[in-house]
C-alpha atoms as a PDB file:
ATOM      1  CA  MET A   1     131.545 100.575 165.570  1.00  0.00           C
ATOM      2  CA  ASN A   2     132.854 101.367 168.868  1.00  0.00           C
ATOM      3  CA  GLY A   3     135.826  98.667 169.958  1.00  0.00           C
ATOM      4  CA  TYR A   4     139.189  98.246 170.596  1.00  0.00           C
ATOM      5  CA  GLN A   5     142.493  96.853 168.771  1.00  0.00           C
ATOM      6  CA  ILE A   6     145.130  95.342 171.003  1.00  0.00           C
ATOM      7  CA  SER A   7     148.729  94.411 169.243  1.00  0.00           C
ATOM      8  CA  PHE A   8     151.437  91.972 170.189  1.00  0.00           C
ATOM      9  CA  PHE A   9     154.694  91.999 168.715  1.00  0.00           C
ATOM     10  CA  THR A  10     157.323  88.861 168.611  1.00  0.00           C
ATOM     11  CA  VAL A  11     159.269  87.431 166.280  1.00  0.00           C
ATOM     12  CA  GLN A  12     159.191  84.109 163.848  1.00  0.00           C
ATOM     13  CA  ASP A  13     161.103  81.586 166.113  1.00  0.00           C
ATOM     14  CA  HIS A  14     159.412  82.811 169.497  1.00  0.00           C
ATOM     15  CA  ARG A  15     157.173  79.417 170.498  1.00  0.00           C
ATOM     16  CA  HIS A  16     154.308  78.233 172.745  1.00  0.00           C
ATOM     17  CA  LYS A  17     153.952  74.418 173.236  1.00  0.00           C
ATOM     18  CA  GLY A  18     156.186  74.162 169.999  1.00  0.00           C
ATOM     19  CA  LYS A  19     153.611  76.196 167.959  1.00  0.00           C
ATOM     20  CA  PRO A  20     154.825  79.595 166.544  1.00  0.00           C
ATOM     21  CA  VAL A  21     153.146  82.471 168.945  1.00  0.00           C
ATOM     22  CA  GLY A  22     151.878  84.682 166.361  1.00  0.00           C
ATOM     23  CA  ASP A  23     149.698  81.948 164.824  1.00  0.00           C
ATOM     24  CA  TRP A  24     148.614  80.541 168.483  1.00  0.00           C
ATOM     25  CA  LEU A  25     147.596  84.292 169.182  1.00  0.00           C
ATOM     26  CA  VAL A  26     145.698  84.503 165.829  1.00  0.00           C
ATOM     27  CA  HIS A  27     144.153  80.911 166.875  1.00  0.00           C
ATOM     28  CA  ILE A  28     143.338  82.534 170.185  1.00  0.00           C
ATOM     29  CA  ALA A  29     141.583  85.483 169.121  1.00  0.00           C
ATOM     30  CA  LYS A  30     139.427  83.454 167.146  1.00  0.00           C
ATOM     31  CA  GLU A  31     138.368  81.093 170.054  1.00  0.00           C
ATOM     32  CA  MET A  32     137.450  84.298 171.890  1.00  0.00           C
ATOM     33  CA  GLY A  33     134.909  85.183 169.310  1.00  0.00           C
ATOM     34  CA  LEU A  34     136.855  88.807 168.527  1.00  0.00           C
ATOM     35  CA  SER A  35     135.808  90.483 165.270  1.00  0.00           C
ATOM     36  CA  GLY A  36     139.373  89.740 163.492  1.00  0.00           C
ATOM     37  CA  ALA A  37     142.742  88.783 164.166  1.00  0.00           C
ATOM     38  CA  THR A  38     145.843  89.925 161.754  1.00  0.00           C
ATOM     39  CA  LEU A  39     149.201  88.644 161.423  1.00  0.00           C
ATOM     40  CA  ILE A  40     151.722  90.754 159.893  1.00  0.00           C
ATOM     41  CA  ALA A  41     155.091  90.142 158.984  1.00  0.00           C
ATOM     42  CA  GLY A  42     157.623  93.151 159.346  1.00  0.00           C
ATOM     43  CA  ALA A  43     160.681  93.533 157.075  1.00  0.00           C
ATOM     44  CA  GLU A  44     162.861  95.276 160.081  1.00  0.00           C
ATOM     45  CA  GLY A  45     161.715  96.173 163.393  1.00  0.00           C
ATOM     46  CA  PHE A  46     163.522  96.327 167.027  1.00  0.00           C
ATOM     47  CA  GLY A  47     162.322  95.856 170.390  1.00  0.00           C
ATOM     48  CA  HIS A  48     162.597  96.830 174.399  1.00  0.00           C
ATOM     49  CA  HIS A  49     166.543  95.777 174.372  1.00  0.00           C
ATOM     50  CA  ARG A  50     167.329  98.060 171.087  1.00  0.00           C
ATOM     51  CA  ARG A  51     168.555  95.185 169.341  1.00  0.00           C
ATOM     52  CA  MET A  52     167.534  95.556 165.619  1.00  0.00           C
ATOM     53  CA  HIS A  53     165.620  92.457 164.047  1.00  0.00           C
ATOM     54  CA  SER A  54     165.343  92.283 160.560  1.00  0.00           C
ATOM     55  CA  VAL A  55     164.894  89.873 157.612  1.00  0.00           C
ATOM     56  CA  HIS A  56     167.615  88.472 155.755  1.00  0.00           C
ATOM     57  CA  PHE A  57     167.384  84.916 153.998  1.00  0.00           C
ATOM     58  CA  ILE A  58     170.135  83.196 156.418  1.00  0.00           C
ATOM     59  CA  GLU A  59     168.197  84.444 159.584  1.00  0.00           C
ATOM     60  CA  LEU A  60     164.218  84.302 158.958  1.00  0.00           C
ATOM     61  CA  THR A  61     163.836  83.334 162.126  1.00  0.00           C
ATOM     62  CA  GLU A  62     164.751  86.889 163.636  1.00  0.00           C
ATOM     63  CA  GLN A  63     161.816  88.174 161.135  1.00  0.00           C
ATOM     64  CA  PRO A  64     159.274  90.213 163.424  1.00  0.00           C
ATOM     65  CA  LEU A  65     156.027  89.891 163.316  1.00  0.00           C
ATOM     66  CA  GLU A  66     152.963  92.045 164.945  1.00  0.00           C
ATOM     67  CA  VAL A  67     149.392  90.430 165.592  1.00  0.00           C
ATOM     68  CA  VAL A  68     146.807  92.817 165.977  1.00  0.00           C
ATOM     69  CA  MET A  69     143.316  92.134 167.340  1.00  0.00           C
ATOM     70  CA  ILE A  70     140.126  93.638 166.875  1.00  0.00           C
ATOM     71  CA  GLY A  71     137.444  93.797 169.271  1.00  0.00           C
ATOM     72  CA  ARG A  72     133.956  95.320 170.050  1.00  0.00           C
ATOM     73  CA  VAL A  73     133.171  97.181 173.125  1.00  0.00           C
ATOM     74  CA  ARG A  74     129.894  95.077 174.023  1.00  0.00           C
ATOM     75  CA  HIS A  75     132.315  91.815 174.284  1.00  0.00           C
ATOM     76  CA  ASP A  76     133.656  90.462 177.010  1.00  0.00           C
ATOM     77  CA  TRP A  77     137.110  90.814 176.770  1.00  0.00           C
ATOM     78  CA  ARG A  78     139.305  89.340 179.430  1.00  0.00           C
ATOM     79  CA  ALA A  79     143.137  89.940 178.957  1.00  0.00           C
ATOM     80  CA  SER A  80     144.080  86.980 180.823  1.00  0.00           C
ATOM     81  CA  ALA A  81     142.063  84.794 177.891  1.00  0.00           C
ATOM     82  CA  VAL A  82     145.395  85.323 175.999  1.00  0.00           C
ATOM     83  CA  THR A  83     147.883  84.229 178.715  1.00  0.00           C
ATOM     84  CA  PRO A  84     149.678  80.843 178.614  1.00  0.00           C
ATOM     85  CA  ALA A  85     147.801  79.637 182.329  1.00  0.00           C
ATOM     86  CA  GLN A  86     144.589  79.989 179.805  1.00  0.00           C
ATOM     87  CA  ASP A  87     145.553  78.171 177.422  1.00  0.00           C
ATOM     88  CA  THR A  88     144.186  74.416 176.932  1.00  0.00           C
ATOM     89  CA  GLY A  89     145.688  73.378 174.038  1.00  0.00           C
END
């Protein structure tokens, strides 16, 4: 199968219009008709600021998340379709 994979990284407490960003991205992938999307919770990670994020009982909002989307080459992929400006919800 010819296709592509795109990954987004965020943390549990980031929100878009009141909805967790990870959940929102999976919903958008489904609306776009992509082959699949998975939300993966990480135990530990760091971002571009080199700040460590890890899961502790007291700081669950810092839990790193990855959203992996899978698509086919023949699918009409438009990267702008996952930007907040395109969100109608």
